[in-house]
Amino acid sequence: MSDEFTSHGAALDDEGLAAALDLAKVSAAQLWAVLAVETSGNGFYPDRRPKILYERHVFSRLTQQKFDAQHSDLSSTPPRQLWCNGAASI
């Protein structure tokens, strides 16, 4: 399996926005507020790869801290720096 991203992600159009709002049962303002915070204003990188926020403290909690000691770069508590597709963010 290749790690190369091959999709052609498209921007959310009016129809897609309406469908997302209906599915999430939220207002447009609420959806855009979450998108602005969680994606720094854009859900895709320039090459159209989706931004994915990795939260090591959530992984730690879900695995009962099993990996915290030997893999603190992937699993730790309390929350530390977050990683989004290899780029650090706070």
PDB file of N, CA and C in Angstrom:
ATOM      1  N   MET A   1       0.843  -1.183   0.000  1.00  0.00           N
ATOM      2  CA  MET A   1       0.000   0.000   0.000  1.00  0.00           C
ATOM      3  C   MET A   1       0.884   1.241   0.000  1.00  0.00           C
ATOM      4  N   SER A   2       0.612   2.151  -0.882  1.00  0.00           N
ATOM      5  CA  SER A   2       1.386   3.376  -1.005  1.00  0.00           C
ATOM      6  C   SER A   2       0.896   4.428  -0.015  1.00  0.00           C
ATOM      7  N   ASP A   3       1.825   5.244   0.482  1.00  0.00           N
ATOM      8  CA  ASP A   3       1.459   6.350   1.356  1.00  0.00           C
ATOM      9  C   ASP A   3       1.091   7.597   0.561  1.00  0.00           C
ATOM     10  N   GLU A   4       1.229   7.536  -0.754  1.00  0.00           N
ATOM     11  CA  GLU A   4       0.945   8.691  -1.589  1.00  0.00           C
ATOM     12  C   GLU A   4      -0.555   8.955  -1.627  1.00  0.00           C
ATOM     13  N   PHE A   5      -0.919  10.203  -1.396  1.00  0.00           N
ATOM     14  CA  PHE A   5      -2.324  10.595  -1.411  1.00  0.00           C
ATOM     15  C   PHE A   5      -2.772  10.802  -2.856  1.00  0.00           C
ATOM     16  N   THR A   6      -3.837  10.116  -3.273  1.00  0.00           N
ATOM     17  CA  THR A   6      -4.237  10.166  -4.675  1.00  0.00           C
ATOM     18  C   THR A   6      -5.643  10.715  -4.904  1.00  0.00           C
ATOM     19  N   SER A   7      -6.332  11.120  -3.851  1.00  0.00           N
ATOM     20  CA  SER A   7      -7.692  11.621  -4.022  1.00  0.00           C
ATOM     21  C   SER A   7      -7.690  13.042  -4.571  1.00  0.00           C
ATOM     22  N   HIS A   8      -8.841  13.512  -4.978  1.00  0.00           N
ATOM     23  CA  HIS A   8      -9.008  14.866  -5.477  1.00  0.00           C
ATOM     24  C   HIS A   8     -10.064  15.552  -4.627  1.00  0.00           C
ATOM     25  N   GLY A   9      -9.733  15.804  -3.357  1.00  0.00           N
ATOM     26  CA  GLY A   9     -10.676  16.424  -2.438  1.00  0.00           C
ATOM     27  C   GLY A   9     -11.207  17.727  -3.004  1.00  0.00           C
ATOM     28  N   ALA A  10     -12.483  17.937  -2.871  1.00  0.00           N
ATOM     29  CA  ALA A  10     -13.107  19.144  -3.396  1.00  0.00           C
ATOM     30  C   ALA A  10     -13.628  19.994  -2.249  1.00  0.00           C
ATOM     31  N   ALA A  11     -13.662  21.297  -2.484  1.00  0.00           N
ATOM     32  CA  ALA A  11     -14.209  22.212  -1.488  1.00  0.00           C
ATOM     33  C   ALA A  11     -15.693  21.921  -1.279  1.00  0.00           C
ATOM     34  N   LEU A  12     -16.172  22.257  -0.110  1.00  0.00           N
ATOM     35  CA  LEU A  12     -17.578  22.044   0.227  1.00  0.00           C
ATOM     36  C   LEU A  12     -18.423  23.044  -0.560  1.00  0.00           C
ATOM     37  N   ASP A  13     -19.341  22.530  -1.376  1.00  0.00           N
ATOM     38  CA  ASP A  13     -20.224  23.420  -2.132  1.00  0.00           C
ATOM     39  C   ASP A  13     -21.523  23.615  -1.348  1.00  0.00           C
ATOM     40  N   ASP A  14     -22.445  24.405  -1.895  1.00  0.00           N
ATOM     41  CA  ASP A  14     -23.699  24.712  -1.200  1.00  0.00           C
ATOM     42  C   ASP A  14     -24.495  23.449  -0.868  1.00  0.00           C
ATOM     43  N   GLU A  15     -24.535  22.518  -1.808  1.00  0.00           N
ATOM     44  CA  GLU A  15     -25.271  21.270  -1.590  1.00  0.00           C
ATOM     45  C   GLU A  15     -24.602  20.430  -0.501  1.00  0.00           C
ATOM     46  N   GLY A  16     -23.292  20.338  -0.538  1.00  0.00           N
ATOM     47  CA  GLY A  16     -22.561  19.592   0.481  1.00  0.00           C
ATOM     48  C   GLY A  16     -22.692  20.222   1.850  1.00  0.00           C
ATOM     49  N   LEU A  17     -22.666  21.558   1.900  1.00  0.00           N
ATOM     50  CA  LEU A  17     -22.843  22.263   3.164  1.00  0.00           C
ATOM     51  C   LEU A  17     -24.223  21.979   3.737  1.00  0.00           C
ATOM     52  N   ALA A  18     -25.257  22.052   2.899  1.00  0.00           N
ATOM     53  CA  ALA A  18     -26.620  21.780   3.354  1.00  0.00           C
ATOM     54  C   ALA A  18     -26.736  20.353   3.891  1.00  0.00           C
ATOM     55  N   ALA A  19     -26.119  19.406   3.210  1.00  0.00           N
ATOM     56  CA  ALA A  19     -26.163  18.013   3.657  1.00  0.00           C
ATOM     57  C   ALA A  19     -25.435  17.845   4.992  1.00  0.00           C
ATOM     58  N   ALA A  20     -24.276  18.501   5.148  1.00  0.00           N
ATOM     59  CA  ALA A  20     -23.518  18.408   6.398  1.00  0.00           C
ATOM     60  C   ALA A  20     -24.302  19.022   7.551  1.00  0.00           C
ATOM     61  N   LEU A  21     -24.936  20.160   7.325  1.00  0.00           N
ATOM     62  CA  LEU A  21     -25.728  20.809   8.363  1.00  0.00           C
ATOM     63  C   LEU A  21     -26.903  19.938   8.775  1.00  0.00           C
ATOM     64  N   ASP A  22     -27.548  19.324   7.805  1.00  0.00           N
ATOM     65  CA  ASP A  22     -28.679  18.444   8.093  1.00  0.00           C
ATOM     66  C   ASP A  22     -28.221  17.211   8.870  1.00  0.00           C
ATOM     67  N   LEU A  23     -27.127  16.634   8.452  1.00  0.00           N
ATOM     68  CA  LEU A  23     -26.605  15.438   9.114  1.00  0.00           C
ATOM     69  C   LEU A  23     -26.178  15.735  10.556  1.00  0.00           C
ATOM     70  N   ALA A  24     -25.480  16.853  10.768  1.00  0.00           N
ATOM     71  CA  ALA A  24     -24.970  17.190  12.096  1.00  0.00           C
ATOM     72  C   ALA A  24     -26.008  17.885  12.975  1.00  0.00           C
ATOM     73  N   LYS A  25     -27.094  18.344  12.375  1.00  0.00           N
ATOM     74  CA  LYS A  25     -28.151  19.057  13.106  1.00  0.00           C
ATOM     75  C   LYS A  25     -27.598  20.280  13.829  1.00  0.00           C
ATOM     76  N   VAL A  26     -26.803  21.079  13.109  1.00  0.00           N
ATOM     77  CA  VAL A  26     -26.226  22.306  13.653  1.00  0.00           C
ATOM     78  C   VAL A  26     -26.446  23.440  12.660  1.00  0.00           C
ATOM     79  N   SER A  27     -26.205  24.669  13.119  1.00  0.00           N
ATOM     80  CA  SER A  27     -26.320  25.830  12.229  1.00  0.00           C
ATOM     81  C   SER A  27     -25.027  25.993  11.445  1.00  0.00           C
ATOM     82  N   ALA A  28     -25.089  26.786  10.386  1.00  0.00           N
ATOM     83  CA  ALA A  28     -23.893  27.056   9.584  1.00  0.00           C
ATOM     84  C   ALA A  28     -22.820  27.723  10.449  1.00  0.00           C
ATOM     85  N   ALA A  29     -23.221  28.646  11.320  1.00  0.00           N
ATOM     86  CA  ALA A  29     -22.259  29.327  12.193  1.00  0.00           C
ATOM     87  C   ALA A  29     -21.549  28.327  13.106  1.00  0.00           C
ATOM     88  N   GLN A  30     -22.296  27.367  13.646  1.00  0.00           N
ATOM     89  CA  GLN A  30     -21.690  26.357  14.515  1.00  0.00           C
ATOM     90  C   GLN A  30     -20.705  25.480  13.746  1.00  0.00           C
ATOM     91  N   LEU A  31     -21.086  25.054  12.557  1.00  0.00           N
ATOM     92  CA  LEU A  31     -20.197  24.217  11.745  1.00  0.00           C
ATOM     93  C   LEU A  31     -18.923  24.967  11.385  1.00  0.00           C
ATOM     94  N   TRP A  32     -19.053  26.215  10.935  1.00  0.00           N
ATOM     95  CA  TRP A  32     -17.871  26.983  10.541  1.00  0.00           C
ATOM     96  C   TRP A  32     -16.979  27.300  11.735  1.00  0.00           C
ATOM     97  N   ALA A  33     -17.570  27.469  12.920  1.00  0.00           N
ATOM     98  CA  ALA A  33     -16.760  27.703  14.123  1.00  0.00           C
ATOM     99  C   ALA A  33     -15.878  26.495  14.415  1.00  0.00           C
ATOM    100  N   VAL A  34     -16.452  25.308  14.325  1.00  0.00           N
ATOM    101  CA  VAL A  34     -15.674  24.081  14.563  1.00  0.00           C
ATOM    102  C   VAL A  34     -14.612  23.919  13.477  1.00  0.00           C
ATOM    103  N   LEU A  35     -14.978  24.123  12.224  1.00  0.00           N
ATOM    104  CA  LEU A  35     -14.012  24.002  11.131  1.00  0.00           C
ATOM    105  C   LEU A  35     -12.855  24.987  11.290  1.00  0.00           C
ATOM    106  N   ALA A  36     -13.152  26.214  11.698  1.00  0.00           N
ATOM    107  CA  ALA A  36     -12.108  27.232  11.861  1.00  0.00           C
ATOM    108  C   ALA A  36     -11.123  26.822  12.955  1.00  0.00           C
ATOM    109  N   VAL A  37     -11.633  26.287  14.057  1.00  0.00           N
ATOM    110  CA  VAL A  37     -10.762  25.899  15.172  1.00  0.00           C
ATOM    111  C   VAL A  37      -9.999  24.618  14.859  1.00  0.00           C
ATOM    112  N   GLU A  38     -10.670  23.616  14.362  1.00  0.00           N
ATOM    113  CA  GLU A  38     -10.064  22.299  14.186  1.00  0.00           C
ATOM    114  C   GLU A  38      -9.192  22.181  12.936  1.00  0.00           C
ATOM    115  N   THR A  39      -9.348  23.068  11.970  1.00  0.00           N
ATOM    116  CA  THR A  39      -8.571  22.948  10.732  1.00  0.00           C
ATOM    117  C   THR A  39      -7.760  24.198  10.408  1.00  0.00           C
ATOM    118  N   SER A  40      -7.700  25.152  11.317  1.00  0.00           N
ATOM    119  CA  SER A  40      -7.029  26.433  11.064  1.00  0.00           C
ATOM    120  C   SER A  40      -7.601  27.110   9.817  1.00  0.00           C
ATOM    121  N   GLY A  41      -8.890  26.946   9.594  1.00  0.00           N
ATOM    122  CA  GLY A  41      -9.568  27.614   8.502  1.00  0.00           C
ATOM    123  C   GLY A  41      -9.690  26.844   7.209  1.00  0.00           C
ATOM    124  N   ASN A  42      -9.012  25.710   7.098  1.00  0.00           N
ATOM    125  CA  ASN A  42      -9.083  24.922   5.862  1.00  0.00           C
ATOM    126  C   ASN A  42      -8.875  23.458   6.224  1.00  0.00           C
ATOM    127  N   GLY A  43      -9.741  22.587   5.758  1.00  0.00           N
ATOM    128  CA  GLY A  43      -9.668  21.172   6.082  1.00  0.00           C
ATOM    129  C   GLY A  43      -8.712  20.366   5.231  1.00  0.00           C
ATOM    130  N   PHE A  44      -8.063  21.025   4.255  1.00  0.00           N
ATOM    131  CA  PHE A  44      -7.161  20.317   3.360  1.00  0.00           C
ATOM    132  C   PHE A  44      -5.824  21.044   3.242  1.00  0.00           C
ATOM    133  N   TYR A  45      -4.776  20.295   2.976  1.00  0.00           N
ATOM    134  CA  TYR A  45      -3.480  20.866   2.621  1.00  0.00           C
ATOM    135  C   TYR A  45      -3.512  21.220   1.138  1.00  0.00           C
ATOM    136  N   PRO A  46      -2.543  22.007   0.650  1.00  0.00           N
ATOM    137  CA  PRO A  46      -2.543  22.408  -0.775  1.00  0.00           C
ATOM    138  C   PRO A  46      -2.612  21.232  -1.750  1.00  0.00           C
ATOM    139  N   ASP A  47      -2.064  20.062  -1.376  1.00  0.00           N
ATOM    140  CA  ASP A  47      -2.121  18.911  -2.281  1.00  0.00           C
ATOM    141  C   ASP A  47      -3.420  18.117  -2.121  1.00  0.00           C
ATOM    142  N   ARG A  48      -4.380  18.678  -1.382  1.00  0.00           N
ATOM    143  CA  ARG A  48      -5.729  18.132  -1.156  1.00  0.00           C
ATOM    144  C   ARG A  48      -5.775  16.969  -0.166  1.00  0.00           C
ATOM    145  N   ARG A  49      -4.681  16.700   0.561  1.00  0.00           N
ATOM    146  CA  ARG A  49      -4.748  15.725   1.649  1.00  0.00           C
ATOM    147  C   ARG A  49      -5.570  16.340   2.767  1.00  0.00           C
ATOM    148  N   PRO A  50      -6.458  15.565   3.401  1.00  0.00           N
ATOM    149  CA  PRO A  50      -7.234  16.121   4.515  1.00  0.00           C
ATOM    150  C   PRO A  50      -6.355  16.296   5.754  1.00  0.00           C
ATOM    151  N   LYS A  51      -6.619  17.361   6.494  1.00  0.00           N
ATOM    152  CA  LYS A  51      -5.929  17.562   7.766  1.00  0.00           C
ATOM    153  C   LYS A  51      -6.548  16.629   8.792  1.00  0.00           C
ATOM    154  N   ILE A  52      -5.706  15.921   9.516  1.00  0.00           N
ATOM    155  CA  ILE A  52      -6.176  14.997  10.542  1.00  0.00           C
ATOM    156  C   ILE A  52      -5.473  15.354  11.842  1.00  0.00           C
ATOM    157  N   LEU A  53      -6.242  15.695  12.862  1.00  0.00           N
ATOM    158  CA  LEU A  53      -5.688  16.092  14.144  1.00  0.00           C
ATOM    159  C   LEU A  53      -5.531  14.867  15.036  1.00  0.00           C
ATOM    160  N   TYR A  54      -4.300  14.592  15.423  1.00  0.00           N
ATOM    161  CA  TYR A  54      -4.019  13.461  16.305  1.00  0.00           C
ATOM    162  C   TYR A  54      -3.881  13.983  17.728  1.00  0.00           C
ATOM    163  N   GLU A  55      -4.663  13.455  18.641  1.00  0.00           N
ATOM    164  CA  GLU A  55      -4.622  13.889  20.027  1.00  0.00           C
ATOM    165  C   GLU A  55      -4.118  12.749  20.905  1.00  0.00           C
ATOM    166  N   ARG A  56      -2.834  12.858  21.286  1.00  0.00           N
ATOM    167  CA  ARG A  56      -2.181  11.777  22.034  1.00  0.00           C
ATOM    168  C   ARG A  56      -2.836  11.519  23.378  1.00  0.00           C
ATOM    169  N   HIS A  57      -3.431  12.537  24.010  1.00  0.00           N
ATOM    170  CA  HIS A  57      -4.083  12.307  25.300  1.00  0.00           C
ATOM    171  C   HIS A  57      -5.364  11.481  25.138  1.00  0.00           C
ATOM    172  N   VAL A  58      -6.033  11.605  24.000  1.00  0.00           N
ATOM    173  CA  VAL A  58      -7.219  10.782  23.738  1.00  0.00           C
ATOM    174  C   VAL A  58      -6.786   9.331  23.516  1.00  0.00           C
ATOM    175  N   PHE A  59      -5.733   9.129  22.727  1.00  0.00           N
ATOM    176  CA  PHE A  59      -5.198   7.777  22.523  1.00  0.00           C
ATOM    177  C   PHE A  59      -4.804   7.161  23.861  1.00  0.00           C
ATOM    178  N   SER A  60      -4.142   7.952  24.710  1.00  0.00           N
ATOM    179  CA  SER A  60      -3.723   7.477  26.026  1.00  0.00           C
ATOM    180  C   SER A  60      -4.930   7.015  26.849  1.00  0.00           C
ATOM    181  N   ARG A  61      -5.963   7.826  26.860  1.00  0.00           N
ATOM    182  CA  ARG A  61      -7.168   7.479  27.628  1.00  0.00           C
ATOM    183  C   ARG A  61      -7.821   6.220  27.080  1.00  0.00           C
ATOM    184  N   LEU A  62      -7.937   6.127  25.757  1.00  0.00           N
ATOM    185  CA  LEU A  62      -8.615   4.992  25.154  1.00  0.00           C
ATOM    186  C   LEU A  62      -7.835   3.676  25.282  1.00  0.00           C
ATOM    187  N   THR A  63      -6.531   3.774  25.498  1.00  0.00           N
ATOM    188  CA  THR A  63      -5.702   2.569  25.664  1.00  0.00           C
ATOM    189  C   THR A  63      -5.278   2.376  27.122  1.00  0.00           C
ATOM    190  N   GLN A  64      -5.973   3.069  28.029  1.00  0.00           N
ATOM    191  CA  GLN A  64      -5.696   2.984  29.460  1.00  0.00           C
ATOM    192  C   GLN A  64      -4.215   3.225  29.782  1.00  0.00           C
ATOM    193  N   GLN A  65      -3.604   4.200  29.129  1.00  0.00           N
ATOM    194  CA  GLN A  65      -2.224   4.631  29.341  1.00  0.00           C
ATOM    195  C   GLN A  65      -1.196   3.513  29.100  1.00  0.00           C
ATOM    196  N   LYS A  66      -1.576   2.477  28.393  1.00  0.00           N
ATOM    197  CA  LYS A  66      -0.714   1.322  28.140  1.00  0.00           C
ATOM    198  C   LYS A  66       0.589   1.697  27.426  1.00  0.00           C
ATOM    199  N   PHE A  67       0.569   2.738  26.589  1.00  0.00           N
ATOM    200  CA  PHE A  67       1.727   3.090  25.773  1.00  0.00           C
ATOM    201  C   PHE A  67       2.435   4.369  26.228  1.00  0.00           C
ATOM    202  N   ASP A  68       1.966   4.980  27.298  1.00  0.00           N
ATOM    203  CA  ASP A  68       2.516   6.258  27.741  1.00  0.00           C
ATOM    204  C   ASP A  68       4.015   6.198  28.051  1.00  0.00           C
ATOM    205  N   ALA A  69       4.445   5.191  28.789  1.00  0.00           N
ATOM    206  CA  ALA A  69       5.838   5.131  29.256  1.00  0.00           C
ATOM    207  C   ALA A  69       6.841   4.966  28.113  1.00  0.00           C
ATOM    208  N   GLN A  70       6.582   4.067  27.208  1.00  0.00           N
ATOM    209  CA  GLN A  70       7.564   3.781  26.163  1.00  0.00           C
ATOM    210  C   GLN A  70       7.312   4.520  24.852  1.00  0.00           C
ATOM    211  N   HIS A  71       6.143   5.123  24.694  1.00  0.00           N
ATOM    212  CA  HIS A  71       5.815   5.809  23.431  1.00  0.00           C
ATOM    213  C   HIS A  71       5.138   7.146  23.717  1.00  0.00           C
ATOM    214  N   SER A  72       5.790   7.989  24.505  1.00  0.00           N
ATOM    215  CA  SER A  72       5.176   9.263  24.894  1.00  0.00           C
ATOM    216  C   SER A  72       4.973  10.208  23.710  1.00  0.00           C
ATOM    217  N   ASP A  73       5.645   9.947  22.589  1.00  0.00           N
ATOM    218  CA  ASP A  73       5.405  10.762  21.402  1.00  0.00           C
ATOM    219  C   ASP A  73       4.047  10.463  20.771  1.00  0.00           C
ATOM    220  N   LEU A  74       3.474   9.295  21.106  1.00  0.00           N
ATOM    221  CA  LEU A  74       2.166   8.899  20.578  1.00  0.00           C
ATOM    222  C   LEU A  74       1.072   8.855  21.634  1.00  0.00           C
ATOM    223  N   SER A  75       1.473   8.680  22.894  1.00  0.00           N
ATOM    224  CA  SER A  75       0.503   8.482  23.961  1.00  0.00           C
ATOM    225  C   SER A  75       0.994   9.161  25.229  1.00  0.00           C
ATOM    226  N   SER A  76       0.239  10.137  25.714  1.00  0.00           N
ATOM    227  CA  SER A  76       0.631  10.799  26.951  1.00  0.00           C
ATOM    228  C   SER A  76      -0.562  11.509  27.566  1.00  0.00           C
ATOM    229  N   THR A  77      -0.461  11.731  28.832  1.00  0.00           N
ATOM    230  CA  THR A  77      -1.471  12.464  29.568  1.00  0.00           C
ATOM    231  C   THR A  77      -0.763  13.276  30.628  1.00  0.00           C
ATOM    232  N   PRO A  78      -1.102  14.481  30.921  1.00  0.00           N
ATOM    233  CA  PRO A  78      -2.187  15.272  30.329  1.00  0.00           C
ATOM    234  C   PRO A  78      -1.859  15.733  28.909  1.00  0.00           C
ATOM    235  N   PRO A  79      -2.829  16.416  28.265  1.00  0.00           N
ATOM    236  CA  PRO A  79      -2.600  16.859  26.892  1.00  0.00           C
ATOM    237  C   PRO A  79      -1.316  17.669  26.756  1.00  0.00           C
ATOM    238  N   ARG A  80      -0.588  17.373  25.694  1.00  0.00           N
ATOM    239  CA  ARG A  80       0.611  18.133  25.347  1.00  0.00           C
ATOM    240  C   ARG A  80       0.392  18.686  23.952  1.00  0.00           C
ATOM    241  N   GLN A  81       1.447  18.771  23.220  1.00  0.00           N
ATOM    242  CA  GLN A  81       1.365  19.287  21.857  1.00  0.00           C
ATOM    243  C   GLN A  81       0.570  18.325  20.975  1.00  0.00           C
ATOM    244  N   LEU A  82      -0.229  18.865  20.069  1.00  0.00           N
ATOM    245  CA  LEU A  82      -1.020  18.060  19.149  1.00  0.00           C
ATOM    246  C   LEU A  82      -0.325  18.007  17.795  1.00  0.00           C
ATOM    247  N   TRP A  83      -0.604  16.955  17.038  1.00  0.00           N
ATOM    248  CA  TRP A  83       0.023  16.772  15.722  1.00  0.00           C
ATOM    249  C   TRP A  83      -1.064  16.643  14.674  1.00  0.00           C
ATOM    250  N   CYS A  84      -0.869  17.329  13.566  1.00  0.00           N
ATOM    251  CA  CYS A  84      -1.817  17.289  12.454  1.00  0.00           C
ATOM    252  C   CYS A  84      -1.037  16.883  11.210  1.00  0.00           C
ATOM    253  N   ASN A  85      -1.127  15.611  10.831  1.00  0.00           N
ATOM    254  CA  ASN A  85      -0.396  15.078   9.669  1.00  0.00           C
ATOM    255  C   ASN A  85       1.084  15.436   9.710  1.00  0.00           C
ATOM    256  N   GLY A  86       1.708  15.306  10.870  1.00  0.00           N
ATOM    257  CA  GLY A  86       3.128  15.532  10.990  1.00  0.00           C
ATOM    258  C   GLY A  86       3.539  16.948  11.334  1.00  0.00           C
ATOM    259  N   ALA A  87       2.596  17.879  11.399  1.00  0.00           N
ATOM    260  CA  ALA A  87       2.932  19.260  11.760  1.00  0.00           C
ATOM    261  C   ALA A  87       2.403  19.554  13.158  1.00  0.00           C
ATOM    262  N   ALA A  88       3.252  20.083  14.012  1.00  0.00           N
ATOM    263  CA  ALA A  88       2.854  20.368  15.382  1.00  0.00           C
ATOM    264  C   ALA A  88       1.909  21.555  15.432  1.00  0.00           C
ATOM    265  N   SER A  89       0.937  21.476  16.331  1.00  0.00           N
ATOM    266  CA  SER A  89       0.059  22.608  16.613  1.00  0.00           C
ATOM    267  C   SER A  89      -0.285  22.570  18.092  1.00  0.00           C
ATOM    268  N   ILE A  90      -0.789  23.669  18.588  1.00  0.00           N
ATOM    269  CA  ILE A  90      -1.134  23.718  20.017  1.00  0.00           C
ATOM    270  C   ILE A  90      -2.623  23.847  20.173  1.00  0.00           C
TER     271      ILE A  90
END
